[in-house]
Amino acid sequence: MTKDATACDVAVPPATVRSIGGRPVVQLGWQFLVLVEVADFAVLRRHLGRPRADLLIGDVSERIATLLPNARTMVAGRHLVEVAFVSEVRLSLDIALIALEAAFETPFDIDGELHKVHLLLGAGTASGHADDVRLVEEAERALVDARIERISVVRDVARSTASIDRIALARDLAGAIENEELFLQYQPKVHVRRQEVTSVEALVRWQHPTRGLVLPGDFIPMAEESRDIVALTLWTIRRSIADQKLLADRGHDLRIFINIAGGLLADTRFVRQVCALVESSGARIGFEITETSVIRDPESAIANLKVFADIGVTIAIDDYGAGLSSLAYLKQLPARELKIDKLFITQLTSSNRDPLIVRSTIDLAHALDMEVVAEGVETPAAMALLSVMGCDMIQGFLISRPINLDALIRFLQSNAHIPAPAELRTPFNRLATVWQRG
């Protein structure tokens, strides 16, 4: 324990707690359940060794207990701590989360070495009496969101979908895969210099028979939790292979990129199934993966990505810059494409720093023999500036929103992706002059 980990100034009253399945769950006032996960546990375990790393979560729990002395803190796994408390005001949770983040800026002294521990925080909250299971469930969902967004996430029981609805939706998902309720939409990627569509990204959608269109953000995380993500991804790959053949028959031989969840990169059975599908079909497939998905289990993920690359699957790094971008992992990945997150592209022509970040990212990717894709391109001005910077491909609403296969074929046949020269000439010339002058 370091001397900087002092008790939080928040007045957190002693919690009235009872145990639900071994979890501490509060009953009175504003109820809070915070799940604290060590984000870089796998990296620390490899460096420290399993025995010492397994003791680390106890150190984390101790620091939290010192910070929030009136909260009930419990180690719930090798890299997870549960914290439960009540308070008269909702603001107490926000202050507690800020204090937790600040406290862990101070590294741990482990056997004479300083190690900074990065936390992911997911919290469930409820006002007054609330179902205990709902509180636990919302905290777990918040932690899933925190893993994706890389920020602390709070979910309010009162504002969330009813528990029974989520359970029913999870049950329906398995049937949706079998009953062909899922469908794919495709968003084109245009090569800037060649002015042609060179590939498309497959995006899965769910048309529920009674609920209507279910958004990916609602069912993809749920599929990852339930392991339906395996069947969902295999379905997506099979449908993409079939659609690619239809596109080729129409004269459009395009590579189709598919998003792969991080948990699948360490699943050897999934890897074998995918290899069998790709090799037997001869399909031109690409996989988009995020760096954060690799960080979970770098050794297995990198090894399996190399297996995919060896059979002709193109690997693309998605959302680059939005998470914990690491050059240590970047240089090891067998990636051929790097996609700059749209966060930097949408403000490209209105920010002073974003163009510098984008340009340096493009140069870095080219130095590593990767092509660069800018996603979220919505204006001719952004496209013009990206062209000057040497960006290879663009994707976004300027070109096309995600569309179904029939619409994609019509789009390709009409050459709708080629912008009119008059529309681009003015912004291109102006931005080129500004950029080249610095």
Protein backbone atom coordinates (compact mmCIF):
# COMPACT_ATOMS: atom_id res chain seq x y z
CA MET A 1 0.00 0.00 0.00
CA THR A 2 1.39 3.38 -0.95
CA LYS A 3 1.13 6.43 1.26
CA ASP A 4 -0.89 8.35 -1.39
CA ALA A 5 -3.84 5.95 -1.16
CA THR A 6 -5.68 7.91 1.53
CA ALA A 7 -9.32 7.68 2.55
CA CYS A 8 -11.80 9.32 0.22
CA ASP A 9 -13.37 12.60 1.39
CA VAL A 10 -16.80 11.37 0.29
CA ALA A 11 -19.04 10.71 3.29
CA VAL A 12 -20.02 7.14 2.49
CA PRO A 13 -22.21 5.81 5.33
CA PRO A 14 -21.88 2.21 6.46
CA ALA A 15 -23.80 -0.02 4.08
CA THR A 16 -26.59 -2.34 5.05
CA VAL A 17 -25.42 -5.41 3.17
CA ARG A 18 -26.63 -8.92 2.55
CA SER A 19 -25.05 -11.56 0.35
CA ILE A 20 -26.55 -12.57 -3.00
CA GLY A 21 -24.72 -15.53 -4.52
CA GLY A 22 -21.58 -14.55 -2.65
CA ARG A 23 -21.83 -10.92 -3.81
CA PRO A 24 -22.30 -7.99 -1.41
CA VAL A 25 -25.55 -6.23 -2.30
CA VAL A 26 -26.80 -3.16 -0.47
CA GLN A 27 -30.43 -2.63 0.46
CA LEU A 28 -31.06 0.95 1.61
CA GLY A 29 -30.75 4.49 0.22
CA TRP A 30 -28.96 5.03 -3.07
CA GLN A 31 -27.49 1.63 -3.80
CA PHE A 32 -24.18 1.29 -5.60
CA LEU A 33 -22.30 -1.78 -6.79
CA VAL A 34 -18.96 -1.09 -8.49
CA LEU A 35 -17.01 -3.79 -10.32
CA VAL A 36 -13.31 -2.96 -10.45
CA GLU A 37 -11.28 -4.93 -12.99
CA VAL A 38 -7.52 -4.90 -13.53
CA ALA A 39 -7.40 -4.21 -17.27
CA ASP A 40 -3.78 -5.22 -17.83
CA PHE A 41 -3.81 -8.30 -15.58
CA ALA A 42 -2.58 -10.68 -18.29
CA VAL A 43 0.43 -8.47 -19.01
CA LEU A 44 1.27 -8.17 -15.31
CA ARG A 45 0.89 -11.92 -14.82
CA ARG A 46 3.42 -12.66 -17.54
CA HIS A 47 5.87 -10.16 -16.07
CA LEU A 48 5.42 -10.97 -12.38
CA GLY A 49 4.60 -14.66 -12.61
CA ARG A 50 1.26 -16.21 -11.74
CA PRO A 51 1.74 -16.59 -7.92
CA ARG A 52 2.68 -12.92 -7.37
CA ALA A 53 0.10 -11.64 -9.87
CA ASP A 54 -2.63 -13.59 -8.13
CA LEU A 55 -1.80 -11.71 -4.92
CA LEU A 56 -2.00 -8.37 -6.71
CA ILE A 57 -5.80 -8.23 -6.65
CA GLY A 58 -5.58 -8.36 -2.84
CA ASP A 59 -3.35 -5.27 -2.95
CA VAL A 60 -5.90 -3.56 -5.19
CA SER A 61 -8.73 -4.47 -2.82
CA GLU A 62 -6.76 -3.17 0.15
CA ARG A 63 -6.14 0.18 -1.55
CA ILE A 64 -9.84 0.50 -2.36
CA ALA A 65 -10.81 -0.38 1.23
CA THR A 66 -8.47 2.34 2.52
CA LEU A 67 -9.95 4.85 0.08
CA LEU A 68 -13.58 3.95 0.88
CA PRO A 69 -13.50 2.69 4.46
CA ASN A 70 -17.30 2.45 4.85
CA ALA A 71 -17.85 0.46 1.67
CA ARG A 72 -17.97 -3.33 1.60
CA THR A 73 -15.08 -4.58 -0.55
CA MET A 74 -14.67 -8.17 -1.72
CA VAL A 75 -12.23 -9.93 -4.05
CA ALA A 76 -14.35 -11.71 -6.67
CA GLY A 77 -11.66 -13.22 -8.89
CA ARG A 78 -8.03 -12.97 -9.93
CA HIS A 79 -8.59 -9.59 -11.53
CA LEU A 80 -11.94 -8.40 -10.12
CA VAL A 81 -13.01 -6.56 -6.95
CA GLU A 82 -16.60 -5.80 -5.97
CA VAL A 83 -17.40 -2.67 -3.97
CA ALA A 84 -20.85 -2.03 -2.49
CA PHE A 85 -22.09 0.98 -0.50
CA VAL A 86 -25.10 3.23 0.06
CA SER A 87 -25.38 6.98 0.25
CA GLU A 88 -28.05 9.63 0.62
CA VAL A 89 -26.92 11.39 -2.59
CA ARG A 90 -26.28 10.09 -6.11
CA LEU A 91 -23.21 12.33 -6.47
CA SER A 92 -21.34 10.14 -3.99
CA LEU A 93 -20.81 7.51 -6.69
CA ASP A 94 -19.34 10.00 -9.18
CA ILE A 95 -16.93 11.34 -6.56
CA ALA A 96 -15.97 7.81 -5.51
CA LEU A 97 -15.20 6.80 -9.10
CA ILE A 98 -13.04 9.89 -9.62
CA ALA A 99 -11.22 9.16 -6.37
CA LEU A 100 -10.60 5.54 -7.41
CA GLU A 101 -9.16 6.59 -10.76
CA ALA A 102 -6.91 9.17 -9.08
CA ALA A 103 -5.71 6.75 -6.38
CA PHE A 104 -4.50 4.23 -8.93
CA GLU A 105 -2.37 6.79 -10.73
CA THR A 106 0.11 5.92 -7.98
CA PRO A 107 1.98 2.71 -8.89
CA PHE A 108 2.37 -0.32 -6.63
CA ASP A 109 5.75 -1.25 -5.21
CA ILE A 110 5.98 -4.97 -6.02
CA ASP A 111 9.18 -6.62 -4.87
CA GLY A 112 11.13 -3.42 -5.39
CA GLU A 113 9.64 -2.63 -8.82
CA LEU A 114 7.00 0.05 -9.48
CA HIS A 115 3.99 -1.20 -11.47
CA LYS A 116 1.05 1.00 -12.44
CA VAL A 117 -2.26 -0.85 -12.45
CA HIS A 118 -4.89 0.23 -14.97
CA LEU A 119 -8.49 -0.22 -13.83
CA LEU A 120 -11.79 -0.63 -15.62
CA LEU A 121 -14.80 0.51 -13.56
CA GLY A 122 -18.39 -0.57 -14.17
CA ALA A 123 -21.10 0.50 -11.72
CA GLY A 124 -24.76 -0.28 -11.20
CA THR A 125 -26.90 2.16 -9.27
CA ALA A 126 -30.47 2.31 -7.99
CA SER A 127 -32.53 4.77 -5.96
CA GLY A 128 -34.49 3.33 -3.04
CA HIS A 129 -35.48 -0.32 -3.14
CA ALA A 130 -34.36 -2.23 -6.23
CA ASP A 131 -34.13 -5.86 -7.22
CA ASP A 132 -30.74 -7.16 -6.12
CA VAL A 133 -30.24 -9.23 -9.26
CA ARG A 134 -30.92 -6.18 -11.43
CA LEU A 135 -28.26 -4.18 -9.59
CA VAL A 136 -25.67 -6.91 -10.10
CA GLU A 137 -26.67 -7.31 -13.74
CA GLU A 138 -26.40 -3.59 -14.49
CA ALA A 139 -22.95 -3.46 -12.89
CA GLU A 140 -21.85 -6.39 -15.05
CA ARG A 141 -23.24 -4.75 -18.19
CA ALA A 142 -21.50 -1.51 -17.25
CA LEU A 143 -18.20 -3.39 -16.95
CA VAL A 144 -18.69 -4.90 -20.42
CA ASP A 145 -19.27 -1.38 -21.78
CA ALA A 146 -16.21 -0.11 -19.90
CA ARG A 147 -14.04 -2.75 -21.58
CA ILE A 148 -15.19 -1.50 -24.98
CA GLU A 149 -15.15 2.25 -24.28
CA ARG A 150 -12.07 2.17 -21.98
CA ILE A 151 -13.77 4.61 -19.58
CA SER A 152 -15.76 4.25 -16.36
CA VAL A 153 -19.39 3.40 -17.08
CA VAL A 154 -22.44 3.73 -14.81
CA ARG A 155 -25.78 2.06 -15.54
CA ASP A 156 -28.96 3.04 -13.68
CA VAL A 157 -31.39 0.21 -12.97
CA ALA A 158 -34.35 2.56 -13.42
CA ARG A 159 -33.26 3.58 -16.93
CA SER A 160 -32.30 0.17 -18.27
CA THR A 161 -34.33 -2.45 -20.05
CA ALA A 162 -36.19 -4.79 -17.73
CA SER A 163 -34.22 -7.86 -16.71
CA ILE A 164 -36.78 -10.24 -18.13
CA ASP A 165 -36.58 -8.43 -21.49
CA ARG A 166 -32.83 -8.88 -21.64
CA ILE A 167 -33.09 -12.52 -20.67
CA ALA A 168 -35.73 -13.06 -23.34
CA LEU A 169 -33.62 -11.24 -25.92
CA ALA A 170 -30.61 -13.41 -25.08
CA ARG A 171 -32.77 -16.50 -25.50
CA ASP A 172 -34.12 -15.21 -28.81
CA LEU A 173 -30.63 -14.57 -30.22
CA ALA A 174 -29.75 -18.25 -30.52
CA GLY A 175 -32.98 -18.83 -32.46
CA ALA A 176 -32.37 -15.75 -34.60
CA ILE A 177 -29.19 -17.30 -35.97
CA GLU A 178 -31.02 -20.49 -36.92
CA ASN A 179 -34.17 -18.75 -38.22
CA GLU A 180 -32.38 -16.36 -40.58
CA GLU A 181 -33.54 -13.26 -38.70
CA LEU A 182 -30.05 -11.82 -39.10
CA PHE A 183 -28.89 -10.02 -42.22
CA LEU A 184 -25.79 -8.21 -43.40
CA GLN A 185 -25.29 -4.70 -44.64
CA TYR A 186 -22.11 -3.57 -46.36
CA GLN A 187 -20.22 -0.29 -46.21
CA PRO A 188 -17.76 0.30 -49.07
CA LYS A 189 -14.14 1.37 -48.75
CA VAL A 190 -12.89 3.54 -51.62
CA HIS A 191 -9.26 3.68 -52.69
CA VAL A 192 -8.47 7.40 -52.84
CA ARG A 193 -5.96 7.39 -55.70
CA ARG A 194 -7.64 4.74 -57.84
CA GLN A 195 -11.15 6.09 -57.16
CA GLU A 196 -12.62 2.60 -56.92
CA VAL A 197 -14.21 0.42 -54.30
CA THR A 198 -11.58 -2.13 -53.24
CA SER A 199 -13.38 -3.78 -50.31
CA VAL A 200 -16.46 -3.61 -48.10
CA GLU A 201 -17.10 -4.06 -44.39
CA ALA A 202 -19.84 -6.49 -43.34
CA LEU A 203 -22.11 -5.25 -40.55
CA VAL A 204 -24.57 -7.65 -38.94
CA ARG A 205 -28.16 -6.59 -38.22
CA TRP A 206 -31.05 -8.33 -36.42
CA GLN A 207 -34.66 -8.00 -37.56
CA HIS A 208 -36.56 -9.39 -34.56
CA PRO A 209 -40.05 -10.74 -35.44
CA THR A 210 -41.78 -8.77 -32.66
CA ARG A 211 -39.27 -6.16 -31.47
CA GLY A 212 -38.30 -4.93 -34.90
CA LEU A 213 -34.74 -3.89 -35.66
CA VAL A 214 -32.40 -4.62 -32.72
CA LEU A 215 -29.30 -2.44 -32.74
CA PRO A 216 -25.87 -4.12 -32.76
CA GLY A 217 -24.92 -2.28 -29.57
CA ASP A 218 -27.76 -4.11 -27.81
CA PHE A 219 -27.05 -7.66 -28.96
CA ILE A 220 -23.34 -7.90 -29.80
CA PRO A 221 -22.14 -7.39 -26.18
CA MET A 222 -24.87 -9.79 -25.07
CA ALA A 223 -23.64 -12.37 -27.58
CA GLU A 224 -20.10 -12.00 -26.24
CA GLU A 225 -21.31 -12.63 -22.70
CA SER A 226 -23.36 -15.70 -23.64
CA ARG A 227 -20.81 -17.13 -26.10
CA ASP A 228 -23.42 -16.89 -28.88
CA ILE A 229 -20.73 -14.71 -30.46
CA VAL A 230 -19.13 -17.87 -31.85
CA ALA A 231 -22.23 -18.94 -33.78
CA LEU A 232 -22.97 -15.33 -34.73
CA THR A 233 -19.48 -14.77 -36.18
CA LEU A 234 -19.45 -18.10 -38.04
CA TRP A 235 -22.86 -17.22 -39.54
CA THR A 236 -21.47 -13.83 -40.61
CA ILE A 237 -18.44 -15.45 -42.25
CA ARG A 238 -20.58 -18.01 -44.12
CA ARG A 239 -22.99 -15.34 -45.36
CA SER A 240 -20.12 -13.07 -46.39
CA ILE A 241 -18.55 -15.91 -48.39
CA ALA A 242 -21.85 -16.57 -50.16
CA ASP A 243 -22.42 -12.85 -50.84
CA GLN A 244 -18.88 -12.46 -52.13
CA LYS A 245 -19.53 -15.17 -54.70
CA LEU A 246 -22.66 -13.32 -55.85
CA LEU A 247 -20.66 -10.10 -56.14
CA ALA A 248 -17.95 -11.87 -58.15
CA ASP A 249 -20.59 -13.28 -60.51
CA ARG A 250 -21.68 -9.69 -61.15
CA GLY A 251 -18.11 -8.64 -61.91
CA HIS A 252 -17.19 -7.18 -58.51
CA ASP A 253 -14.38 -9.18 -56.91
CA LEU A 254 -14.19 -7.44 -53.54
CA ARG A 255 -12.64 -8.49 -50.27
CA ILE A 256 -15.18 -8.52 -47.42
CA PHE A 257 -14.02 -7.48 -43.96
CA ILE A 258 -15.68 -8.94 -40.86
CA ASN A 259 -15.37 -7.69 -37.28
CA ILE A 260 -13.95 -10.30 -34.91
CA ALA A 261 -14.55 -10.06 -31.15
CA GLY A 262 -11.47 -10.17 -28.96
CA GLY A 263 -12.54 -13.25 -27.03
CA LEU A 264 -12.53 -15.32 -30.21
CA LEU A 265 -8.86 -14.70 -30.93
CA ALA A 266 -7.84 -17.16 -28.22
CA ASP A 267 -10.48 -19.78 -29.14
CA THR A 268 -8.58 -22.54 -30.96
CA ARG A 269 -11.75 -24.39 -32.01
CA PHE A 270 -13.13 -21.21 -33.57
CA VAL A 271 -9.83 -20.65 -35.38
CA ARG A 272 -9.95 -24.18 -36.85
CA GLN A 273 -13.56 -23.71 -38.01
CA VAL A 274 -12.76 -20.39 -39.68
CA CYS A 275 -9.70 -21.78 -41.43
CA ALA A 276 -11.78 -24.66 -42.80
CA LEU A 277 -14.43 -22.24 -44.13
CA VAL A 278 -11.93 -19.90 -45.77
CA GLU A 279 -9.69 -22.55 -47.28
CA SER A 280 -12.56 -24.65 -48.67
CA SER A 281 -14.23 -21.62 -50.28
CA GLY A 282 -11.17 -19.74 -51.48
CA ALA A 283 -12.93 -16.56 -50.38
CA ARG A 284 -11.22 -13.18 -50.13
CA ILE A 285 -11.91 -12.35 -46.50
CA GLY A 286 -10.52 -9.79 -44.08
CA PHE A 287 -10.83 -9.55 -40.31
CA GLU A 288 -11.06 -6.27 -38.43
CA ILE A 289 -9.78 -6.47 -34.88
CA THR A 290 -9.11 -3.86 -32.21
CA GLU A 291 -5.85 -3.52 -30.32
CA THR A 292 -7.70 -3.82 -27.02
CA SER A 293 -8.88 -7.27 -28.06
CA VAL A 294 -5.27 -8.33 -28.57
CA ILE A 295 -4.20 -6.96 -25.19
CA ARG A 296 -6.48 -9.45 -23.40
CA ASP A 297 -4.28 -12.40 -24.38
CA PRO A 298 -1.51 -11.16 -26.68
CA GLU A 299 0.35 -14.43 -27.09
CA SER A 300 -2.66 -16.46 -28.28
CA ALA A 301 -4.19 -13.59 -30.25
CA ILE A 302 -1.04 -12.79 -32.22
CA ALA A 303 -0.36 -16.47 -32.91
CA ASN A 304 -3.87 -17.06 -34.25
CA LEU A 305 -3.86 -13.86 -36.28
CA LYS A 306 -0.71 -15.16 -37.98
CA VAL A 307 -2.57 -18.40 -38.72
CA PHE A 308 -5.32 -16.39 -40.40
CA ALA A 309 -2.79 -14.30 -42.33
CA ASP A 310 -1.03 -17.46 -43.56
CA ILE A 311 -4.24 -18.69 -45.26
CA GLY A 312 -4.79 -15.38 -47.03
CA VAL A 313 -7.03 -13.50 -44.56
CA THR A 314 -6.17 -9.80 -44.51
CA ILE A 315 -5.90 -8.41 -40.99
CA ALA A 316 -7.00 -4.83 -40.33
CA ILE A 317 -6.57 -2.94 -37.06
CA ASP A 318 -9.86 -1.20 -36.30
CA ASP A 319 -10.52 1.99 -34.28
CA TYR A 320 -6.83 2.85 -34.08
CA GLY A 321 -6.29 5.70 -31.64
CA ALA A 322 -9.54 5.21 -29.72
CA GLY A 323 -8.14 2.75 -27.19
CA LEU A 324 -4.76 1.94 -25.68
CA SER A 325 -2.74 2.07 -28.88
CA SER A 326 0.54 0.25 -28.27
CA LEU A 327 3.49 0.21 -30.62
CA ALA A 328 4.74 -2.91 -28.85
CA TYR A 329 1.72 -4.86 -30.11
CA LEU A 330 1.37 -2.98 -33.39
CA LYS A 331 4.75 -4.11 -34.67
CA GLN A 332 3.94 -7.77 -33.88
CA LEU A 333 0.55 -7.94 -35.59
CA PRO A 334 0.43 -9.39 -39.13
CA ALA A 335 -1.80 -6.51 -40.19
CA ARG A 336 -2.05 -5.12 -43.72
CA GLU A 337 -4.50 -2.30 -42.94
CA LEU A 338 -4.88 0.25 -40.18
CA LYS A 339 -8.20 2.08 -39.69
CA ILE A 340 -8.00 5.48 -38.04
CA ASP A 341 -10.89 5.95 -35.65
CA LYS A 342 -13.61 8.34 -36.83
CA LEU A 343 -13.11 10.38 -33.64
CA PHE A 344 -10.11 11.99 -35.36
CA ILE A 345 -11.66 12.18 -38.83
CA THR A 346 -14.88 14.01 -37.96
CA GLN A 347 -12.90 16.99 -36.61
CA LEU A 348 -10.13 16.83 -39.16
CA THR A 349 -10.86 20.19 -40.77
CA SER A 350 -11.84 22.03 -37.57
CA SER A 351 -9.10 20.98 -35.16
CA ASN A 352 -5.45 21.97 -34.93
CA ARG A 353 -4.23 18.73 -33.38
CA ASP A 354 -6.27 16.07 -35.18
CA PRO A 355 -4.56 16.64 -38.59
CA LEU A 356 -1.17 16.19 -36.92
CA ILE A 357 -2.27 12.96 -35.26
CA VAL A 358 -3.78 11.62 -38.48
CA ARG A 359 -0.75 12.52 -40.59
CA SER A 360 1.68 10.92 -38.13
CA THR A 361 -0.49 7.80 -37.97
CA ILE A 362 -0.51 7.53 -41.76
CA ASP A 363 3.28 7.85 -41.88
CA LEU A 364 3.67 5.24 -39.13
CA ALA A 365 1.39 2.76 -40.88
CA HIS A 366 3.18 3.20 -44.20
CA ALA A 367 6.52 2.64 -42.46
CA LEU A 368 5.10 -0.69 -41.22
CA ASP A 369 3.94 -1.61 -44.75
CA MET A 370 0.27 -1.10 -43.96
CA GLU A 371 -2.38 0.73 -45.93
CA VAL A 372 -4.47 3.29 -44.07
CA VAL A 373 -8.27 3.53 -43.97
CA ALA A 374 -9.97 6.63 -42.60
CA GLU A 375 -13.45 5.81 -41.29
CA GLY A 376 -16.18 8.34 -40.64
CA VAL A 377 -15.43 10.52 -43.69
CA GLU A 378 -18.48 12.73 -44.21
CA THR A 379 -17.32 15.79 -46.17
CA PRO A 380 -15.42 16.47 -49.41
CA ALA A 381 -13.07 18.72 -47.42
CA ALA A 382 -12.03 15.86 -45.15
CA MET A 383 -11.53 13.58 -48.14
CA ALA A 384 -9.39 16.19 -49.86
CA LEU A 385 -7.16 16.68 -46.84
CA LEU A 386 -6.79 12.93 -46.33
CA SER A 387 -5.73 12.61 -49.96
CA VAL A 388 -3.03 15.23 -49.46
CA MET A 389 -1.82 13.40 -46.37
CA GLY A 390 -1.41 10.17 -48.31
CA CYS A 391 -4.33 8.22 -46.85
CA ASP A 392 -4.99 5.13 -48.98
CA MET A 393 -8.70 4.47 -48.44
CA ILE A 394 -11.74 6.20 -47.02
CA GLN A 395 -15.00 4.93 -45.61
CA GLY A 396 -18.01 6.88 -44.43
CA PHE A 397 -21.29 8.55 -45.30
CA LEU A 398 -19.60 10.70 -47.96
CA ILE A 399 -19.26 7.49 -49.95
CA SER A 400 -22.18 5.41 -48.65
CA ARG A 401 -24.00 4.40 -45.51
CA PRO A 402 -24.21 0.63 -44.80
CA ILE A 403 -26.51 -0.94 -47.44
CA ASN A 404 -27.82 -4.40 -48.27
CA LEU A 405 -26.34 -6.58 -50.98
CA ASP A 406 -28.76 -5.63 -53.79
CA ALA A 407 -28.22 -1.93 -53.11
CA LEU A 408 -24.45 -2.49 -53.03
CA ILE A 409 -24.54 -4.11 -56.47
CA ARG A 410 -26.53 -1.18 -57.87
CA PHE A 411 -24.12 1.22 -56.16
CA LEU A 412 -21.10 -0.45 -57.77
CA GLN A 413 -22.69 -0.63 -61.21
CA SER A 414 -23.60 3.06 -61.17
CA ASN A 415 -20.11 4.19 -60.09
CA ALA A 416 -21.80 6.22 -57.36
CA HIS A 417 -18.60 6.17 -55.32
CA ILE A 418 -16.77 8.45 -57.77
CA PRO A 419 -17.18 12.09 -56.63
CA ALA A 420 -17.77 14.79 -59.19
CA PRO A 421 -14.51 16.66 -59.86
CA ALA A 422 -16.21 20.05 -59.46
CA GLU A 423 -17.35 19.11 -55.96
CA LEU A 424 -13.82 18.35 -54.80
CA ARG A 425 -11.65 20.78 -56.72
CA THR A 426 -12.16 23.85 -54.50
CA PRO A 427 -11.76 22.24 -51.06
CA PHE A 428 -8.95 20.04 -52.34
CA ASN A 429 -6.91 22.95 -53.68
CA ARG A 430 -7.49 25.14 -50.62
CA LEU A 431 -6.68 22.45 -48.06
CA ALA A 432 -3.69 21.20 -50.02
CA THR A 433 -2.20 24.69 -50.00
CA VAL A 434 -2.81 25.16 -46.27
CA TRP A 435 -1.39 21.76 -45.33
CA GLN A 436 1.71 22.01 -47.50
CA ARG A 437 2.50 25.44 -46.07
CA GLY A 438 2.16 24.02 -42.53
